[in-house]
């Protein structure tokens, strides 16, 4: 199953790059908005306050690495795709705020 997700991730990343070049500015949410959506999902599951370390763990990162990507506003596409698959979430909703 991870091979399919790796394949999807690779082509999704290429797709995003192409769209950005063709359209110029894509209506993709920024790092903070995307992580806020992940935080909402985790909060719904646990009912507790969600911290950055909780998001890091859910995405499979060490909290220190999450702090680095947060500071750089680097969206971890592969980790989010794996998280979305595990939670049965739409990537359109996570990245673009669109539902199908």
N, C-alpha and C. Protein backbone atom coordinates (compact mmCIF):
# COMPACT_ATOMS: atom_id res chain seq x y z
N UNK A 1 0.82 -1.18 0.00
CA UNK A 1 0.00 0.00 0.00
C UNK A 1 0.87 1.26 0.00
N UNK A 2 1.99 1.22 0.71
CA UNK A 2 2.85 2.39 0.75
C UNK A 2 3.45 2.69 -0.62
N UNK A 3 3.63 1.64 -1.47
CA UNK A 3 4.14 1.88 -2.82
C UNK A 3 3.15 2.72 -3.62
N UNK A 4 1.86 2.42 -3.48
CA UNK A 4 0.84 3.21 -4.17
C UNK A 4 0.84 4.66 -3.68
N UNK A 5 1.02 4.85 -2.39
CA UNK A 5 1.05 6.21 -1.85
C UNK A 5 2.31 6.94 -2.29
N UNK A 6 3.43 6.24 -2.36
CA UNK A 6 4.66 6.86 -2.85
C UNK A 6 4.49 7.29 -4.29
N UNK A 7 3.86 6.44 -5.07
CA UNK A 7 3.57 6.75 -6.47
C UNK A 7 2.66 7.96 -6.56
N UNK A 8 1.60 7.95 -5.75
CA UNK A 8 0.66 9.07 -5.73
C UNK A 8 1.37 10.35 -5.31
N UNK A 9 2.15 10.28 -4.25
CA UNK A 9 2.86 11.45 -3.74
C UNK A 9 3.78 12.03 -4.80
N UNK A 10 4.51 11.18 -5.48
CA UNK A 10 5.44 11.64 -6.51
C UNK A 10 4.70 12.42 -7.60
N UNK A 11 3.62 11.87 -8.08
CA UNK A 11 2.88 12.53 -9.16
C UNK A 11 2.03 13.70 -8.66
N UNK A 12 1.59 13.66 -7.43
CA UNK A 12 0.87 14.79 -6.87
C UNK A 12 1.80 16.00 -6.77
N UNK A 13 3.03 15.76 -6.32
CA UNK A 13 4.01 16.82 -6.19
C UNK A 13 4.33 17.43 -7.57
N UNK A 14 4.48 16.59 -8.57
CA UNK A 14 4.72 17.06 -9.94
C UNK A 14 3.52 17.86 -10.43
N UNK A 15 2.33 17.36 -10.17
CA UNK A 15 1.09 18.05 -10.57
C UNK A 15 1.03 19.44 -9.97
N UNK A 16 1.33 19.55 -8.68
CA UNK A 16 1.29 20.85 -8.00
C UNK A 16 2.29 21.81 -8.64
N UNK A 17 3.49 21.34 -8.94
CA UNK A 17 4.50 22.20 -9.56
C UNK A 17 4.03 22.70 -10.93
N UNK A 18 3.45 21.81 -11.70
CA UNK A 18 2.97 22.19 -13.04
C UNK A 18 1.85 23.22 -12.92
N UNK A 19 0.90 22.97 -12.05
CA UNK A 19 -0.22 23.89 -11.87
C UNK A 19 0.28 25.26 -11.41
N UNK A 20 1.24 25.28 -10.49
CA UNK A 20 1.78 26.55 -10.02
C UNK A 20 2.41 27.33 -11.17
N UNK A 21 3.09 26.62 -12.06
CA UNK A 21 3.73 27.30 -13.19
C UNK A 21 2.70 27.78 -14.20
N UNK A 22 1.69 26.97 -14.45
CA UNK A 22 0.68 27.33 -15.45
C UNK A 22 -0.23 28.45 -14.95
N UNK A 23 -0.72 28.32 -13.76
CA UNK A 23 -1.67 29.29 -13.22
C UNK A 23 -0.96 30.46 -12.54
N UNK A 24 0.19 30.22 -12.04
CA UNK A 24 0.92 31.28 -11.32
C UNK A 24 0.73 31.12 -9.83
N UNK A 25 -0.45 31.37 -9.36
CA UNK A 25 -0.74 31.22 -7.93
C UNK A 25 -1.87 30.23 -7.79
N UNK A 26 -1.61 29.21 -7.04
CA UNK A 26 -2.59 28.16 -6.81
C UNK A 26 -3.35 28.46 -5.53
N UNK A 27 -4.60 28.13 -5.50
CA UNK A 27 -5.43 28.38 -4.32
C UNK A 27 -5.18 27.36 -3.22
N UNK A 28 -3.95 26.91 -3.10
CA UNK A 28 -3.62 25.94 -2.07
C UNK A 28 -3.49 26.67 -0.73
N UNK A 29 -3.93 26.03 0.31
CA UNK A 29 -3.81 26.59 1.64
C UNK A 29 -2.33 26.65 2.04
N UNK A 30 -2.00 27.51 2.98
CA UNK A 30 -0.62 27.60 3.41
C UNK A 30 -0.35 26.61 4.55
N UNK A 31 0.88 26.57 5.01
CA UNK A 31 1.31 25.63 6.04
C UNK A 31 0.41 25.70 7.27
N UNK A 32 0.17 26.90 7.75
CA UNK A 32 -0.62 27.06 8.98
C UNK A 32 -2.04 26.53 8.82
N UNK A 33 -2.66 26.81 7.68
CA UNK A 33 -4.03 26.34 7.44
C UNK A 33 -4.09 24.82 7.36
N UNK A 34 -3.12 24.25 6.68
CA UNK A 34 -3.08 22.79 6.52
C UNK A 34 -2.87 22.12 7.88
N UNK A 35 -1.94 22.63 8.66
CA UNK A 35 -1.69 22.03 9.98
C UNK A 35 -2.88 22.26 10.92
N UNK A 36 -3.58 23.35 10.73
CA UNK A 36 -4.78 23.60 11.52
C UNK A 36 -5.84 22.53 11.23
N UNK A 37 -5.96 22.11 9.99
CA UNK A 37 -6.91 21.06 9.64
C UNK A 37 -6.51 19.74 10.29
N UNK A 38 -5.23 19.43 10.28
CA UNK A 38 -4.75 18.20 10.92
C UNK A 38 -5.02 18.27 12.41
N UNK A 39 -4.79 19.44 12.99
CA UNK A 39 -5.03 19.65 14.41
C UNK A 39 -6.51 19.42 14.75
N UNK A 40 -7.41 19.89 13.90
CA UNK A 40 -8.85 19.69 14.12
C UNK A 40 -9.21 18.21 14.11
N UNK A 41 -8.65 17.47 13.18
CA UNK A 41 -8.92 16.03 13.11
C UNK A 41 -8.43 15.34 14.38
N UNK A 42 -7.23 15.66 14.81
CA UNK A 42 -6.68 15.05 16.02
C UNK A 42 -7.50 15.43 17.26
N UNK A 43 -7.97 16.67 17.30
CA UNK A 43 -8.80 17.12 18.42
C UNK A 43 -10.13 16.38 18.46
N UNK A 44 -10.72 16.17 17.29
CA UNK A 44 -11.99 15.42 17.23
C UNK A 44 -11.81 14.00 17.76
N UNK A 45 -10.66 13.40 17.46
CA UNK A 45 -10.41 12.02 17.90
C UNK A 45 -10.17 11.93 19.40
N UNK A 46 -9.38 12.87 19.93
CA UNK A 46 -8.98 12.76 21.34
C UNK A 46 -9.82 13.60 22.29
N UNK A 47 -10.37 14.70 21.78
CA UNK A 47 -11.13 15.61 22.63
C UNK A 47 -10.24 16.47 23.50
N UNK A 48 -8.94 16.34 23.35
CA UNK A 48 -7.98 17.10 24.15
C UNK A 48 -7.33 18.20 23.33
N UNK A 49 -6.67 19.10 24.02
CA UNK A 49 -5.91 20.17 23.35
C UNK A 49 -4.75 19.54 22.59
N UNK A 50 -4.56 19.94 21.34
CA UNK A 50 -3.52 19.37 20.49
C UNK A 50 -2.36 20.35 20.39
N UNK A 51 -1.18 19.85 20.69
CA UNK A 51 0.04 20.64 20.63
C UNK A 51 0.84 20.28 19.38
N UNK A 52 1.85 21.07 19.08
CA UNK A 52 2.70 20.79 17.93
C UNK A 52 3.33 19.40 18.01
N UNK A 53 3.69 18.97 19.21
CA UNK A 53 4.30 17.64 19.35
C UNK A 53 3.29 16.54 18.95
N UNK A 54 2.00 16.77 19.20
CA UNK A 54 0.98 15.81 18.82
C UNK A 54 0.84 15.72 17.30
N UNK A 55 0.91 16.88 16.64
CA UNK A 55 0.87 16.89 15.17
C UNK A 55 2.10 16.19 14.62
N UNK A 56 3.26 16.48 15.21
CA UNK A 56 4.51 15.84 14.77
C UNK A 56 4.41 14.32 14.85
N UNK A 57 3.94 13.83 15.96
CA UNK A 57 3.82 12.38 16.15
C UNK A 57 2.82 11.78 15.16
N UNK A 58 1.70 12.46 14.96
CA UNK A 58 0.68 11.97 14.02
C UNK A 58 1.22 11.89 12.59
N UNK A 59 2.14 12.78 12.26
CA UNK A 59 2.73 12.79 10.91
C UNK A 59 3.98 11.93 10.82
N UNK A 60 4.39 11.36 11.96
CA UNK A 60 5.56 10.47 11.96
C UNK A 60 6.88 11.19 12.08
N UNK A 61 6.86 12.39 12.67
CA UNK A 61 8.07 13.19 12.83
C UNK A 61 8.46 13.31 14.30
N UNK A 62 9.73 13.59 14.51
CA UNK A 62 10.18 14.00 15.84
C UNK A 62 9.70 15.44 16.04
N UNK A 63 9.32 15.81 17.25
CA UNK A 63 8.88 17.19 17.49
C UNK A 63 9.92 18.23 17.06
N UNK A 64 11.20 17.92 17.19
CA UNK A 64 12.24 18.88 16.79
C UNK A 64 12.24 19.09 15.27
N UNK A 65 11.99 18.02 14.50
CA UNK A 65 11.93 18.15 13.05
C UNK A 65 10.69 18.95 12.64
N UNK A 66 9.58 18.69 13.32
CA UNK A 66 8.37 19.46 13.03
C UNK A 66 8.59 20.94 13.27
N UNK A 67 9.33 21.28 14.33
CA UNK A 67 9.62 22.69 14.63
C UNK A 67 10.40 23.33 13.48
N UNK A 68 11.30 22.58 12.87
CA UNK A 68 12.09 23.09 11.74
C UNK A 68 11.20 23.35 10.53
N UNK A 69 10.37 22.37 10.16
CA UNK A 69 9.53 22.57 8.98
C UNK A 69 8.47 23.63 9.22
N UNK A 70 8.03 23.76 10.46
CA UNK A 70 7.07 24.81 10.79
C UNK A 70 7.71 26.19 10.61
N UNK A 71 8.92 26.33 11.08
CA UNK A 71 9.64 27.60 10.95
C UNK A 71 9.87 27.96 9.48
N UNK A 72 10.13 26.94 8.66
CA UNK A 72 10.39 27.16 7.23
C UNK A 72 9.12 27.14 6.38
N UNK A 73 7.99 26.85 7.00
CA UNK A 73 6.71 26.72 6.30
C UNK A 73 6.80 25.69 5.16
N UNK A 74 7.49 24.58 5.44
CA UNK A 74 7.68 23.52 4.45
C UNK A 74 6.58 22.47 4.65
N UNK A 75 5.72 22.35 3.68
CA UNK A 75 4.60 21.41 3.79
C UNK A 75 5.10 19.99 3.52
N UNK A 76 4.91 19.08 4.47
CA UNK A 76 5.36 17.69 4.30
C UNK A 76 4.30 16.86 3.54
N UNK A 77 4.29 16.98 2.22
CA UNK A 77 3.24 16.36 1.40
C UNK A 77 3.09 14.86 1.63
N UNK A 78 4.20 14.15 1.63
CA UNK A 78 4.13 12.69 1.76
C UNK A 78 3.53 12.29 3.11
N UNK A 79 3.99 12.91 4.18
CA UNK A 79 3.48 12.59 5.52
C UNK A 79 1.99 12.91 5.62
N UNK A 80 1.58 14.01 5.01
CA UNK A 80 0.15 14.38 5.03
C UNK A 80 -0.67 13.41 4.20
N UNK A 81 -0.13 12.98 3.06
CA UNK A 81 -0.84 12.00 2.24
C UNK A 81 -1.02 10.68 2.99
N UNK A 82 0.01 10.25 3.70
CA UNK A 82 -0.10 9.03 4.51
C UNK A 82 -1.11 9.20 5.65
N UNK A 83 -1.07 10.35 6.31
CA UNK A 83 -2.01 10.66 7.38
C UNK A 83 -3.44 10.67 6.85
N UNK A 84 -3.64 11.33 5.71
CA UNK A 84 -4.98 11.41 5.12
C UNK A 84 -5.49 10.03 4.74
N UNK A 85 -4.63 9.20 4.20
CA UNK A 85 -5.03 7.84 3.84
C UNK A 85 -5.43 7.04 5.08
N UNK A 86 -4.64 7.17 6.12
CA UNK A 86 -4.92 6.45 7.38
C UNK A 86 -6.25 6.89 7.99
N UNK A 87 -6.56 8.18 7.90
CA UNK A 87 -7.77 8.73 8.50
C UNK A 87 -8.93 8.82 7.51
N UNK A 88 -8.70 8.37 6.28
CA UNK A 88 -9.72 8.42 5.22
C UNK A 88 -10.20 9.85 4.96
N UNK A 89 -9.24 10.76 4.81
CA UNK A 89 -9.52 12.17 4.57
C UNK A 89 -9.24 12.52 3.11
N UNK A 90 -9.90 13.53 2.63
CA UNK A 90 -9.69 14.01 1.27
C UNK A 90 -8.50 14.96 1.22
N UNK A 91 -7.57 14.69 0.31
CA UNK A 91 -6.45 15.61 0.11
C UNK A 91 -6.94 16.94 -0.46
N UNK A 92 -8.02 16.90 -1.23
CA UNK A 92 -8.59 18.15 -1.73
C UNK A 92 -9.03 19.04 -0.57
N UNK A 93 -9.61 18.44 0.45
CA UNK A 93 -10.03 19.21 1.61
C UNK A 93 -8.82 19.73 2.38
N UNK A 94 -7.82 18.90 2.57
CA UNK A 94 -6.64 19.30 3.35
C UNK A 94 -5.86 20.41 2.65
N UNK A 95 -5.60 20.24 1.36
CA UNK A 95 -4.73 21.17 0.65
C UNK A 95 -5.45 22.36 0.01
N UNK A 96 -6.70 22.15 -0.40
CA UNK A 96 -7.39 23.17 -1.19
C UNK A 96 -8.71 23.66 -0.59
N UNK A 97 -9.13 23.09 0.52
CA UNK A 97 -10.41 23.43 1.14
C UNK A 97 -11.59 23.17 0.20
N UNK A 98 -11.48 22.08 -0.56
CA UNK A 98 -12.56 21.71 -1.48
C UNK A 98 -13.02 20.30 -1.18
N UNK A 99 -14.30 20.08 -1.30
CA UNK A 99 -14.85 18.75 -1.12
C UNK A 99 -15.33 18.23 -2.46
N UNK A 100 -15.37 16.92 -2.56
CA UNK A 100 -15.84 16.29 -3.78
C UNK A 100 -17.21 15.69 -3.54
